[in-house]
Amino acid sequence: MNRRLPLAVCFITGIIMLIQFFIPHPLFSKKIYNEALRWAIVISAFTLIIGIESLIRLHANKIRRKVPGWGYSVIAIIMMIFVAVVGIWKGIGEGSLFIKIFRYVLAPLNATMFSMLAFFMASAAYRSFRARTPEAVLLLCVALFVMYGRVPIGHMTWEKIPDIVEWILRYPSMGAQRGILIGVGLGVMATSLKMLLGIERQWLGGAGGGT
């Protein structure tokens, strides 16, 4: 019973959400979808509580064991509590302390983190573009040509280079991306059907199939 009920809920909910894409009736296409969306918002509030509890437990364990960098865990917990108290006490409207923290502290930190990721991406691209095979040589040449055509010096060298780069991005590259997306979509469909039919049960805490 402890497994049949979640499987039944998953199957019924999945079928209802699937039907609303194919039946153009207000009951299925709008009302049920909007009601399910409201339920998802309510459920997400509980998942937020679980996420906060997991975050506190993770950093508390680091602080208790004095692992390297445990001071950052102290700062993380203090700032999480401080921002939550500020948001509840002073509100989150325009000009509030909460918005100022988000705009002048969190946003610059996010920008710094993503700017650092650019160097890791460049390093990974360098390792991936090593010309060990003919396919890697072709990938390297096309990538260098696209990057060259995207900067002003490419247009200064020959005015047709940006047009060629645009053609590469619009047709060969887009075709490859769509092929990947189609494969991902088929994988999502297969996984969804396995979950609806009860074949895939890892989300129940099991080890896969079984009864």
N, C-alpha and C. Protein backbone atom coordinates (compact mmCIF):
# COMPACT_ATOMS: atom_id res chain seq x y z
N MET A 1 0.83 -1.20 0.00
CA MET A 1 0.00 0.00 0.00
C MET A 1 0.87 1.26 0.00
N ASN A 2 2.02 1.19 0.69
CA ASN A 2 2.88 2.36 0.78
C ASN A 2 3.51 2.72 -0.57
N ARG A 3 3.50 1.78 -1.53
CA ARG A 3 4.02 2.06 -2.86
C ARG A 3 2.90 2.21 -3.88
N ARG A 4 1.79 1.53 -3.68
CA ARG A 4 0.71 1.59 -4.65
C ARG A 4 0.07 2.97 -4.69
N LEU A 5 -0.09 3.60 -3.54
CA LEU A 5 -0.73 4.92 -3.51
C LEU A 5 0.09 5.97 -4.25
N PRO A 6 1.40 6.10 -3.99
CA PRO A 6 2.18 7.08 -4.79
C PRO A 6 2.19 6.75 -6.27
N LEU A 7 2.25 5.47 -6.63
CA LEU A 7 2.22 5.09 -8.04
C LEU A 7 0.89 5.47 -8.68
N ALA A 8 -0.21 5.27 -7.95
CA ALA A 8 -1.52 5.62 -8.49
C ALA A 8 -1.64 7.14 -8.66
N VAL A 9 -1.17 7.89 -7.66
CA VAL A 9 -1.22 9.35 -7.77
C VAL A 9 -0.37 9.83 -8.94
N CYS A 10 0.81 9.25 -9.10
CA CYS A 10 1.69 9.63 -10.21
C CYS A 10 1.03 9.32 -11.55
N PHE A 11 0.41 8.15 -11.66
CA PHE A 11 -0.21 7.75 -12.93
C PHE A 11 -1.40 8.65 -13.26
N ILE A 12 -2.28 8.86 -12.30
CA ILE A 12 -3.48 9.67 -12.56
C ILE A 12 -3.10 11.11 -12.87
N THR A 13 -2.18 11.69 -12.08
CA THR A 13 -1.77 13.08 -12.32
C THR A 13 -1.07 13.22 -13.67
N GLY A 14 -0.21 12.26 -13.99
CA GLY A 14 0.48 12.32 -15.27
C GLY A 14 -0.46 12.22 -16.45
N ILE A 15 -1.45 11.33 -16.36
CA ILE A 15 -2.41 11.18 -17.45
C ILE A 15 -3.25 12.45 -17.61
N ILE A 16 -3.68 13.03 -16.50
CA ILE A 16 -4.48 14.27 -16.58
C ILE A 16 -3.67 15.40 -17.20
N MET A 17 -2.42 15.55 -16.79
CA MET A 17 -1.59 16.61 -17.36
C MET A 17 -1.25 16.33 -18.82
N LEU A 18 -1.22 15.06 -19.20
CA LEU A 18 -0.96 14.71 -20.60
C LEU A 18 -2.17 14.98 -21.47
N ILE A 19 -3.36 14.72 -20.94
CA ILE A 19 -4.59 14.93 -21.71
C ILE A 19 -4.79 16.39 -22.06
N GLN A 20 -4.42 17.30 -21.17
CA GLN A 20 -4.71 18.71 -21.40
C GLN A 20 -3.94 19.27 -22.60
N PHE A 21 -2.93 18.55 -23.09
CA PHE A 21 -2.24 19.00 -24.29
C PHE A 21 -2.97 18.60 -25.57
N PHE A 22 -3.88 17.62 -25.47
CA PHE A 22 -4.52 17.08 -26.68
C PHE A 22 -6.01 17.35 -26.75
N ILE A 23 -6.64 17.73 -25.64
CA ILE A 23 -8.08 18.01 -25.65
C ILE A 23 -8.29 19.51 -25.45
N PRO A 24 -8.71 20.23 -26.49
CA PRO A 24 -8.90 21.69 -26.38
C PRO A 24 -10.20 22.07 -25.68
N HIS A 25 -10.34 21.62 -24.45
CA HIS A 25 -11.53 21.92 -23.67
C HIS A 25 -11.12 22.73 -22.45
N PRO A 26 -11.88 23.77 -22.08
CA PRO A 26 -11.46 24.60 -20.94
C PRO A 26 -11.25 23.81 -19.66
N LEU A 27 -12.03 22.73 -19.46
CA LEU A 27 -11.88 21.94 -18.24
C LEU A 27 -10.51 21.30 -18.17
N PHE A 28 -9.99 20.84 -19.30
CA PHE A 28 -8.71 20.15 -19.31
C PHE A 28 -7.55 21.09 -19.62
N SER A 29 -7.75 22.01 -20.56
CA SER A 29 -6.63 22.82 -21.03
C SER A 29 -6.28 23.96 -20.09
N LYS A 30 -7.25 24.48 -19.34
CA LYS A 30 -6.97 25.64 -18.50
C LYS A 30 -7.26 25.39 -17.03
N LYS A 31 -8.46 24.92 -16.72
CA LYS A 31 -8.86 24.82 -15.31
C LYS A 31 -7.99 23.83 -14.56
N ILE A 32 -7.86 22.62 -15.10
CA ILE A 32 -7.07 21.59 -14.41
C ILE A 32 -5.59 22.00 -14.36
N TYR A 33 -5.10 22.58 -15.45
CA TYR A 33 -3.69 22.99 -15.47
C TYR A 33 -3.42 24.07 -14.43
N ASN A 34 -4.30 25.08 -14.36
CA ASN A 34 -4.11 26.15 -13.38
C ASN A 34 -4.23 25.63 -11.96
N GLU A 35 -5.16 24.70 -11.74
CA GLU A 35 -5.30 24.12 -10.39
C GLU A 35 -4.06 23.31 -10.02
N ALA A 36 -3.54 22.55 -10.98
CA ALA A 36 -2.31 21.79 -10.71
C ALA A 36 -1.14 22.73 -10.46
N LEU A 37 -1.11 23.86 -11.16
CA LEU A 37 -0.04 24.83 -10.96
C LEU A 37 -0.10 25.42 -9.55
N ARG A 38 -1.31 25.69 -9.06
CA ARG A 38 -1.44 26.21 -7.69
C ARG A 38 -0.99 25.17 -6.68
N TRP A 39 -1.34 23.90 -6.91
CA TRP A 39 -0.88 22.85 -6.01
C TRP A 39 0.64 22.73 -6.03
N ALA A 40 1.24 22.90 -7.22
CA ALA A 40 2.70 22.82 -7.32
C ALA A 40 3.36 23.93 -6.52
N ILE A 41 2.75 25.12 -6.51
CA ILE A 41 3.29 26.23 -5.72
C ILE A 41 3.23 25.91 -4.23
N VAL A 42 2.11 25.31 -3.80
CA VAL A 42 1.98 24.94 -2.39
C VAL A 42 3.02 23.88 -2.02
N ILE A 43 3.18 22.88 -2.88
CA ILE A 43 4.14 21.81 -2.60
C ILE A 43 5.56 22.36 -2.58
N SER A 44 5.85 23.33 -3.49
CA SER A 44 7.20 23.90 -3.53
C SER A 44 7.55 24.62 -2.23
N ALA A 45 6.53 25.15 -1.53
CA ALA A 45 6.80 25.78 -0.24
C ALA A 45 7.35 24.76 0.76
N PHE A 46 6.80 23.54 0.74
CA PHE A 46 7.31 22.50 1.62
C PHE A 46 8.71 22.06 1.20
N THR A 47 8.97 22.00 -0.11
CA THR A 47 10.31 21.64 -0.57
C THR A 47 11.33 22.70 -0.17
N LEU A 48 10.90 23.97 -0.08
CA LEU A 48 11.80 25.02 0.40
C LEU A 48 12.22 24.75 1.83
N ILE A 49 11.27 24.31 2.66
CA ILE A 49 11.59 24.00 4.05
C ILE A 49 12.59 22.84 4.12
N ILE A 50 12.37 21.83 3.27
CA ILE A 50 13.29 20.69 3.24
C ILE A 50 14.68 21.14 2.79
N GLY A 51 14.73 22.04 1.78
CA GLY A 51 16.01 22.54 1.29
C GLY A 51 16.76 23.33 2.36
N ILE A 52 16.04 24.16 3.11
CA ILE A 52 16.69 24.93 4.18
C ILE A 52 17.23 23.99 5.26
N GLU A 53 16.42 22.99 5.62
CA GLU A 53 16.87 22.03 6.64
C GLU A 53 18.10 21.27 6.16
N SER A 54 18.12 20.89 4.89
CA SER A 54 19.28 20.17 4.34
C SER A 54 20.52 21.06 4.31
N LEU A 55 20.32 22.34 3.94
CA LEU A 55 21.46 23.27 3.91
C LEU A 55 22.05 23.48 5.30
N ILE A 56 21.18 23.68 6.29
CA ILE A 56 21.67 23.88 7.66
C ILE A 56 22.38 22.64 8.17
N ARG A 57 21.82 21.46 7.88
CA ARG A 57 22.45 20.23 8.34
C ARG A 57 23.82 20.04 7.69
N LEU A 58 23.93 20.34 6.39
CA LEU A 58 25.21 20.18 5.70
C LEU A 58 26.28 21.07 6.30
N HIS A 59 25.96 22.36 6.48
CA HIS A 59 26.96 23.28 7.00
C HIS A 59 27.21 23.06 8.49
N ALA A 60 26.20 22.63 9.23
CA ALA A 60 26.41 22.34 10.64
C ALA A 60 27.38 21.18 10.82
N ASN A 61 27.28 20.18 9.97
CA ASN A 61 28.23 19.06 10.04
C ASN A 61 29.65 19.52 9.75
N LYS A 62 29.80 20.43 8.76
CA LYS A 62 31.14 20.95 8.47
C LYS A 62 31.70 21.74 9.65
N ILE A 63 30.83 22.52 10.28
CA ILE A 63 31.29 23.31 11.44
C ILE A 63 31.66 22.40 12.59
N ARG A 64 30.84 21.37 12.85
CA ARG A 64 31.10 20.47 13.96
C ARG A 64 32.38 19.68 13.76
N ARG A 65 32.68 19.27 12.54
CA ARG A 65 33.87 18.47 12.26
C ARG A 65 35.09 19.33 11.97
N LYS A 66 34.90 20.68 11.89
CA LYS A 66 35.99 21.61 11.64
C LYS A 66 36.75 21.24 10.35
N VAL A 67 36.00 20.95 9.31
CA VAL A 67 36.63 20.64 8.02
C VAL A 67 37.24 21.92 7.45
N PRO A 68 38.22 21.81 6.55
CA PRO A 68 38.82 23.01 5.96
C PRO A 68 37.76 23.91 5.31
N GLY A 69 37.79 25.18 5.65
CA GLY A 69 36.81 26.12 5.12
C GLY A 69 35.50 26.17 5.88
N TRP A 70 35.51 25.65 7.11
CA TRP A 70 34.25 25.61 7.87
C TRP A 70 33.79 27.02 8.27
N GLY A 71 34.69 27.99 8.24
CA GLY A 71 34.28 29.36 8.54
C GLY A 71 33.29 29.91 7.52
N TYR A 72 33.42 29.47 6.27
CA TYR A 72 32.46 29.90 5.25
C TYR A 72 31.07 29.33 5.53
N SER A 73 31.04 28.15 6.14
CA SER A 73 29.75 27.57 6.51
C SER A 73 29.06 28.41 7.58
N VAL A 74 29.86 28.93 8.52
CA VAL A 74 29.29 29.81 9.54
C VAL A 74 28.70 31.06 8.90
N ILE A 75 29.45 31.65 7.96
CA ILE A 75 28.96 32.85 7.28
C ILE A 75 27.70 32.55 6.49
N ALA A 76 27.66 31.38 5.84
CA ALA A 76 26.49 31.01 5.03
C ALA A 76 25.23 30.90 5.90
N ILE A 77 25.35 30.25 7.05
CA ILE A 77 24.18 30.09 7.92
C ILE A 77 23.75 31.44 8.50
N ILE A 78 24.71 32.25 8.94
CA ILE A 78 24.37 33.55 9.51
C ILE A 78 23.68 34.44 8.48
N MET A 79 24.22 34.48 7.26
CA MET A 79 23.64 35.34 6.23
C MET A 79 22.28 34.83 5.78
N MET A 80 22.08 33.51 5.75
CA MET A 80 20.77 32.98 5.38
C MET A 80 19.72 33.41 6.40
N ILE A 81 20.04 33.29 7.68
CA ILE A 81 19.10 33.69 8.72
C ILE A 81 18.89 35.21 8.70
N PHE A 82 19.97 35.97 8.51
CA PHE A 82 19.87 37.43 8.50
C PHE A 82 18.99 37.93 7.35
N VAL A 83 19.20 37.41 6.15
CA VAL A 83 18.41 37.85 5.00
C VAL A 83 16.95 37.45 5.16
N ALA A 84 16.70 36.26 5.71
CA ALA A 84 15.32 35.83 5.93
C ALA A 84 14.63 36.74 6.94
N VAL A 85 15.32 37.08 8.03
CA VAL A 85 14.73 37.97 9.04
C VAL A 85 14.48 39.36 8.46
N VAL A 86 15.42 39.87 7.67
CA VAL A 86 15.26 41.19 7.06
C VAL A 86 14.07 41.20 6.12
N GLY A 87 13.93 40.14 5.31
CA GLY A 87 12.81 40.08 4.38
C GLY A 87 11.47 40.01 5.08
N ILE A 88 11.39 39.25 6.19
CA ILE A 88 10.12 39.13 6.93
C ILE A 88 9.82 40.40 7.72
N TRP A 89 10.86 41.00 8.27
CA TRP A 89 10.66 42.14 9.17
C TRP A 89 10.45 43.44 8.39
N LYS A 90 11.32 43.70 7.40
CA LYS A 90 11.28 44.96 6.67
C LYS A 90 10.55 44.88 5.33
N GLY A 91 10.21 43.67 4.91
CA GLY A 91 9.54 43.52 3.63
C GLY A 91 10.52 43.38 2.47
N ILE A 92 9.97 43.10 1.29
CA ILE A 92 10.82 42.88 0.11
C ILE A 92 10.46 43.85 -1.01
N GLY A 93 9.85 44.96 -0.67
CA GLY A 93 9.48 45.95 -1.68
C GLY A 93 10.67 46.70 -2.22
N GLU A 94 10.42 47.51 -3.25
CA GLU A 94 11.48 48.29 -3.87
C GLU A 94 12.05 49.29 -2.85
N GLY A 95 13.38 49.33 -2.77
CA GLY A 95 14.06 50.21 -1.84
C GLY A 95 14.29 49.61 -0.47
N SER A 96 13.78 48.41 -0.22
CA SER A 96 13.97 47.76 1.08
C SER A 96 15.38 47.23 1.22
N LEU A 97 15.76 46.93 2.47
CA LEU A 97 17.09 46.39 2.72
C LEU A 97 17.28 45.05 2.02
N PHE A 98 16.23 44.26 1.93
CA PHE A 98 16.31 42.96 1.26
C PHE A 98 16.70 43.13 -0.20
N ILE A 99 16.05 44.07 -0.90
CA ILE A 99 16.35 44.31 -2.30
C ILE A 99 17.77 44.86 -2.46
N LYS A 100 18.19 45.70 -1.52
CA LYS A 100 19.55 46.24 -1.59
C LYS A 100 20.59 45.14 -1.43
N ILE A 101 20.33 44.20 -0.51
CA ILE A 101 21.25 43.07 -0.35
C ILE A 101 21.29 42.24 -1.63
N PHE A 102 20.11 42.01 -2.22
CA PHE A 102 20.05 41.22 -3.45
C PHE A 102 20.78 41.93 -4.59
N ARG A 103 20.59 43.24 -4.70
CA ARG A 103 21.10 43.99 -5.84
C ARG A 103 22.59 44.30 -5.71
N TYR A 104 23.05 44.61 -4.50
CA TYR A 104 24.41 45.09 -4.34
C TYR A 104 25.35 44.06 -3.72
N VAL A 105 24.82 42.92 -3.26
CA VAL A 105 25.68 41.88 -2.70
C VAL A 105 25.55 40.59 -3.51
N LEU A 106 24.33 40.07 -3.62
CA LEU A 106 24.16 38.78 -4.28
C LEU A 106 24.42 38.88 -5.78
N ALA A 107 23.89 39.91 -6.44
CA ALA A 107 24.08 40.04 -7.88
C ALA A 107 25.56 40.17 -8.26
N PRO A 108 26.36 41.03 -7.58
CA PRO A 108 27.80 41.06 -7.91
C PRO A 108 28.51 39.74 -7.63
N LEU A 109 28.10 39.03 -6.56
CA LEU A 109 28.71 37.73 -6.28
C LEU A 109 28.40 36.73 -7.39
N ASN A 110 27.15 36.73 -7.89
CA ASN A 110 26.80 35.85 -9.01
C ASN A 110 27.60 36.20 -10.26
N ALA A 111 27.74 37.50 -10.52
CA ALA A 111 28.51 37.92 -11.70
C ALA A 111 29.97 37.48 -11.57
N THR A 112 30.53 37.59 -10.37
CA THR A 112 31.91 37.16 -10.15
C THR A 112 32.06 35.66 -10.36
N MET A 113 31.09 34.89 -9.85
CA MET A 113 31.17 33.44 -9.99
C MET A 113 31.10 33.03 -11.46
N PHE A 114 30.18 33.63 -12.22
CA PHE A 114 30.05 33.26 -13.62
C PHE A 114 31.24 33.75 -14.44
N SER A 115 31.84 34.88 -14.05
CA SER A 115 33.04 35.32 -14.76
C SER A 115 34.20 34.36 -14.52
N MET A 116 34.26 33.77 -13.33
CA MET A 116 35.30 32.78 -13.06
C MET A 116 35.03 31.50 -13.83
N LEU A 117 33.75 31.16 -14.01
CA LEU A 117 33.42 29.97 -14.79
C LEU A 117 33.87 30.09 -16.24
N ALA A 118 33.97 31.32 -16.74
CA ALA A 118 34.41 31.50 -18.12
C ALA A 118 35.82 30.94 -18.33
N PHE A 119 36.70 31.10 -17.33
CA PHE A 119 38.05 30.56 -17.45
C PHE A 119 38.05 29.04 -17.44
N PHE A 120 37.19 28.43 -16.61
CA PHE A 120 37.09 26.98 -16.60
C PHE A 120 36.54 26.47 -17.93
N MET A 121 35.58 27.20 -18.51
CA MET A 121 35.03 26.81 -19.80
C MET A 121 36.10 26.91 -20.89
N ALA A 122 36.90 27.95 -20.84
CA ALA A 122 37.97 28.09 -21.83
C ALA A 122 38.99 26.96 -21.70
N SER A 123 39.31 26.60 -20.45
CA SER A 123 40.24 25.50 -20.23
C SER A 123 39.66 24.17 -20.74
N ALA A 124 38.38 23.95 -20.45
CA ALA A 124 37.74 22.71 -20.93
C ALA A 124 37.66 22.68 -22.45
N ALA A 125 37.37 23.84 -23.06
CA ALA A 125 37.31 23.89 -24.52
C ALA A 125 38.69 23.61 -25.13
N TYR A 126 39.73 24.12 -24.50
CA TYR A 126 41.09 23.86 -25.00
C TYR A 126 41.41 22.37 -24.96
N ARG A 127 41.03 21.71 -23.87
CA ARG A 127 41.30 20.27 -23.77
C ARG A 127 40.44 19.48 -24.75
N SER A 128 39.21 19.96 -25.00
CA SER A 128 38.32 19.23 -25.91
C SER A 128 38.72 19.39 -27.37
N PHE A 129 39.37 20.52 -27.69
CA PHE A 129 39.70 20.81 -29.08
C PHE A 129 41.07 20.30 -29.50
N ARG A 130 41.65 19.41 -28.75
CA ARG A 130 42.93 18.85 -29.16
C ARG A 130 42.74 18.01 -30.42
N ALA A 131 43.54 18.32 -31.45
CA ALA A 131 43.35 17.70 -32.76
C ALA A 131 43.97 16.30 -32.78
N ARG A 132 43.26 15.35 -32.21
CA ARG A 132 43.75 13.98 -32.19
C ARG A 132 43.12 13.13 -33.28
N THR A 133 41.95 13.50 -33.75
CA THR A 133 41.23 12.77 -34.80
C THR A 133 40.80 13.75 -35.87
N PRO A 134 40.44 13.26 -37.07
CA PRO A 134 39.94 14.18 -38.11
C PRO A 134 38.70 14.95 -37.67
N GLU A 135 37.82 14.31 -36.89
CA GLU A 135 36.63 15.02 -36.41
C GLU A 135 37.02 16.15 -35.47
N ALA A 136 38.03 15.89 -34.61
CA ALA A 136 38.48 16.94 -33.69
C ALA A 136 39.13 18.10 -34.45
N VAL A 137 39.85 17.79 -35.54
CA VAL A 137 40.46 18.84 -36.35
C VAL A 137 39.37 19.70 -36.98
N LEU A 138 38.33 19.05 -37.52
CA LEU A 138 37.22 19.80 -38.12
C LEU A 138 36.52 20.67 -37.09
N LEU A 139 36.28 20.11 -35.90
CA LEU A 139 35.63 20.88 -34.83
C LEU A 139 36.49 22.07 -34.42
N LEU A 140 37.79 21.87 -34.32
CA LEU A 140 38.70 22.93 -33.93
C LEU A 140 38.71 24.05 -34.97
N CYS A 141 38.78 23.67 -36.25
CA CYS A 141 38.83 24.68 -37.30
C CYS A 141 37.54 25.49 -37.36
N VAL A 142 36.40 24.81 -37.27
CA VAL A 142 35.12 25.51 -37.31
C VAL A 142 34.96 26.42 -36.10
N ALA A 143 35.34 25.92 -34.92
CA ALA A 143 35.22 26.73 -33.70
C ALA A 143 36.08 27.99 -33.78
N LEU A 144 37.31 27.84 -34.25
CA LEU A 144 38.19 29.00 -34.39
C LEU A 144 37.65 29.99 -35.42
N PHE A 145 37.10 29.45 -36.51
CA PHE A 145 36.54 30.33 -37.54
C PHE A 145 35.32 31.09 -37.01
N VAL A 146 34.46 30.39 -36.26
CA VAL A 146 33.27 31.06 -35.71
C VAL A 146 33.68 32.14 -34.71
N MET A 147 34.63 31.82 -33.84
CA MET A 147 35.09 32.84 -32.89
C MET A 147 35.74 34.02 -33.60
N TYR A 148 36.50 33.73 -34.66
CA TYR A 148 37.14 34.81 -35.42
C TYR A 148 36.11 35.68 -36.12
N GLY A 149 35.03 35.07 -36.61
CA GLY A 149 34.01 35.84 -37.29
C GLY A 149 33.10 36.61 -36.36
N ARG A 150 33.13 36.28 -35.08
CA ARG A 150 32.27 36.96 -34.11
C ARG A 150 32.91 38.23 -33.53
N VAL A 151 34.18 38.43 -33.77
CA VAL A 151 34.86 39.61 -33.24
C VAL A 151 35.03 40.64 -34.37
N PRO A 152 35.22 41.90 -34.04
CA PRO A 152 35.30 42.95 -35.08
C PRO A 152 36.40 42.72 -36.12
N ILE A 153 37.51 42.09 -35.71
CA ILE A 153 38.61 41.90 -36.65
C ILE A 153 38.20 40.97 -37.79
N GLY A 154 37.25 40.07 -37.52
CA GLY A 154 36.79 39.19 -38.59
C GLY A 154 36.10 39.96 -39.69
N HIS A 155 35.24 40.89 -39.33
CA HIS A 155 34.56 41.71 -40.33
C HIS A 155 35.54 42.63 -41.05
N MET A 156 36.57 43.09 -40.33
CA MET A 156 37.57 43.96 -40.95
C MET A 156 38.41 43.19 -41.95
N THR A 157 38.64 41.88 -41.69
CA THR A 157 39.44 41.08 -42.61
C THR A 157 38.71 40.84 -43.92
N TRP A 158 37.44 40.41 -43.81
CA TRP A 158 36.63 40.17 -45.01
C TRP A 158 35.17 40.33 -44.61
N GLU A 159 34.45 41.14 -45.31
CA GLU A 159 33.08 41.47 -44.91
C GLU A 159 32.12 40.30 -45.02
N LYS A 160 32.51 39.24 -45.73
CA LYS A 160 31.64 38.07 -45.89
C LYS A 160 31.77 37.08 -44.73
N ILE A 161 32.79 37.25 -43.90
CA ILE A 161 33.01 36.28 -42.81
C ILE A 161 31.83 36.23 -41.84
N PRO A 162 31.29 37.37 -41.38
CA PRO A 162 30.12 37.27 -40.48
C PRO A 162 28.93 36.55 -41.10
N ASP A 163 28.72 36.72 -42.42
CA ASP A 163 27.63 36.01 -43.09
C ASP A 163 27.87 34.50 -43.10
N ILE A 164 29.11 34.10 -43.33
CA ILE A 164 29.44 32.67 -43.32
C ILE A 164 29.25 32.10 -41.92
N VAL A 165 29.69 32.83 -40.91
CA VAL A 165 29.51 32.38 -39.52
C VAL A 165 28.03 32.25 -39.19
N GLU A 166 27.24 33.22 -39.63
CA GLU A 166 25.80 33.15 -39.38
C GLU A 166 25.18 31.94 -40.05
N TRP A 167 25.65 31.60 -41.25
CA TRP A 167 25.14 30.40 -41.95
C TRP A 167 25.52 29.13 -41.19
N ILE A 168 26.73 29.09 -40.68
CA ILE A 168 27.16 27.91 -39.90
C ILE A 168 26.30 27.74 -38.66
N LEU A 169 26.05 28.84 -37.97
CA LEU A 169 25.25 28.77 -36.74
C LEU A 169 23.79 28.47 -37.03
N ARG A 170 23.28 28.94 -38.16
CA ARG A 170 21.86 28.80 -38.44
C ARG A 170 21.51 27.43 -39.00
N TYR A 171 22.41 26.79 -39.75
CA TYR A 171 22.06 25.54 -40.42
C TYR A 171 22.82 24.33 -39.85
N PRO A 172 24.13 24.18 -40.06
CA PRO A 172 24.79 22.97 -39.51
C PRO A 172 24.70 22.88 -37.98
N SER A 173 25.01 24.01 -37.31
CA SER A 173 24.98 23.98 -35.84
C SER A 173 23.56 23.78 -35.32
N MET A 174 22.60 24.50 -35.89
CA MET A 174 21.22 24.37 -35.44
C MET A 174 20.68 22.96 -35.71
N GLY A 175 21.07 22.38 -36.85
CA GLY A 175 20.64 21.00 -37.14
C GLY A 175 21.16 20.02 -36.11
N ALA A 176 22.44 20.18 -35.73
CA ALA A 176 23.01 19.30 -34.70
C ALA A 176 22.33 19.52 -33.36
N GLN A 177 22.06 20.78 -33.01
CA GLN A 177 21.37 21.05 -31.74
C GLN A 177 19.98 20.45 -31.72
N ARG A 178 19.26 20.55 -32.84
CA ARG A 178 17.92 19.97 -32.88
C ARG A 178 17.97 18.46 -32.78
N GLY A 179 18.99 17.86 -33.40
CA GLY A 179 19.13 16.41 -33.25
C GLY A 179 19.35 16.01 -31.80
N ILE A 180 20.19 16.77 -31.08
CA ILE A 180 20.42 16.50 -29.67
C ILE A 180 19.14 16.69 -28.87
N LEU A 181 18.39 17.78 -29.17
CA LEU A 181 17.15 18.05 -28.44
C LEU A 181 16.11 16.97 -28.70
N ILE A 182 16.07 16.46 -29.94
CA ILE A 182 15.14 15.37 -30.24
C ILE A 182 15.50 14.13 -29.42
N GLY A 183 16.80 13.83 -29.35
CA GLY A 183 17.22 12.70 -28.53
C GLY A 183 16.89 12.88 -27.06
N VAL A 184 17.10 14.11 -26.55
CA VAL A 184 16.75 14.39 -25.16
C VAL A 184 15.25 14.26 -24.95
N GLY A 185 14.46 14.76 -25.92
CA GLY A 185 13.00 14.66 -25.81
C GLY A 185 12.53 13.21 -25.79
N LEU A 186 13.12 12.37 -26.64
CA LEU A 186 12.75 10.95 -26.64
C LEU A 186 13.13 10.29 -25.31
N GLY A 187 14.28 10.68 -24.76
CA GLY A 187 14.66 10.14 -23.46
C GLY A 187 13.71 10.57 -22.36
N VAL A 188 13.28 11.84 -22.39
CA VAL A 188 12.32 12.33 -21.40
C VAL A 188 10.99 11.59 -21.53
N MET A 189 10.54 11.37 -22.78
CA MET A 189 9.29 10.63 -22.99
C MET A 189 9.39 9.21 -22.46
N ALA A 190 10.52 8.55 -22.74
CA ALA A 190 10.69 7.17 -22.28
C ALA A 190 10.71 7.10 -20.76
N THR A 191 11.45 8.02 -20.13
CA THR A 191 11.52 8.03 -18.67
C THR A 191 10.16 8.35 -18.06
N SER A 192 9.42 9.29 -18.67
CA SER A 192 8.10 9.65 -18.15
C SER A 192 7.14 8.47 -18.24
N LEU A 193 7.17 7.77 -19.37
CA LEU A 193 6.29 6.60 -19.52
C LEU A 193 6.66 5.51 -18.51
N LYS A 194 7.93 5.32 -18.28
CA LYS A 194 8.35 4.31 -17.29
C LYS A 194 7.87 4.69 -15.90
N MET A 195 7.88 5.99 -15.58
CA MET A 195 7.39 6.43 -14.28
C MET A 195 5.87 6.30 -14.19
N LEU A 196 5.16 6.66 -15.26
CA LEU A 196 3.69 6.56 -15.24
C LEU A 196 3.22 5.12 -15.13
N LEU A 197 3.92 4.20 -15.79
CA LEU A 197 3.54 2.80 -15.78
C LEU A 197 4.10 2.04 -14.58
N GLY A 198 4.87 2.71 -13.73
CA GLY A 198 5.39 2.06 -12.53
C GLY A 198 6.62 1.21 -12.77
N ILE A 199 7.24 1.32 -13.95
CA ILE A 199 8.44 0.54 -14.23
C ILE A 199 9.65 1.16 -13.52
N GLU A 200 9.75 2.48 -13.59
CA GLU A 200 10.82 3.21 -12.93
C GLU A 200 10.33 3.65 -11.55
N ARG A 201 10.98 3.12 -10.50
CA ARG A 201 10.53 3.40 -9.13
C ARG A 201 11.63 3.95 -8.24
N GLN A 202 12.69 4.45 -8.82
CA GLN A 202 13.77 4.99 -7.99
C GLN A 202 13.31 6.21 -7.21
N TRP A 203 12.33 6.96 -7.76
CA TRP A 203 11.85 8.13 -7.03
C TRP A 203 11.10 7.76 -5.77
N LEU A 204 10.76 6.45 -5.63
CA LEU A 204 10.11 5.98 -4.40
C LEU A 204 11.13 5.52 -3.36
N GLY A 205 12.41 5.62 -3.72
CA GLY A 205 13.45 5.17 -2.79
C GLY A 205 13.88 3.75 -3.03
N GLY A 206 13.36 3.13 -4.13
CA GLY A 206 13.75 1.77 -4.44
C GLY A 206 15.00 1.73 -5.30
N ALA A 207 15.34 0.56 -5.76
CA ALA A 207 16.53 0.37 -6.57
C ALA A 207 16.21 0.15 -8.03
N GLY A 208 15.10 0.65 -8.50
CA GLY A 208 14.71 0.50 -9.89
C GLY A 208 13.41 -0.21 -10.01
N GLY A 209 13.35 -1.23 -10.85
CA GLY A 209 12.11 -1.97 -11.07
C GLY A 209 11.77 -2.82 -9.89
N GLY A 210 10.93 -3.76 -10.11
CA GLY A 210 10.50 -4.62 -9.02
C GLY A 210 9.04 -4.43 -8.73
N THR A 211 8.58 -5.07 -7.67
CA THR A 211 7.17 -5.02 -7.32
C THR A 211 6.95 -4.13 -6.12
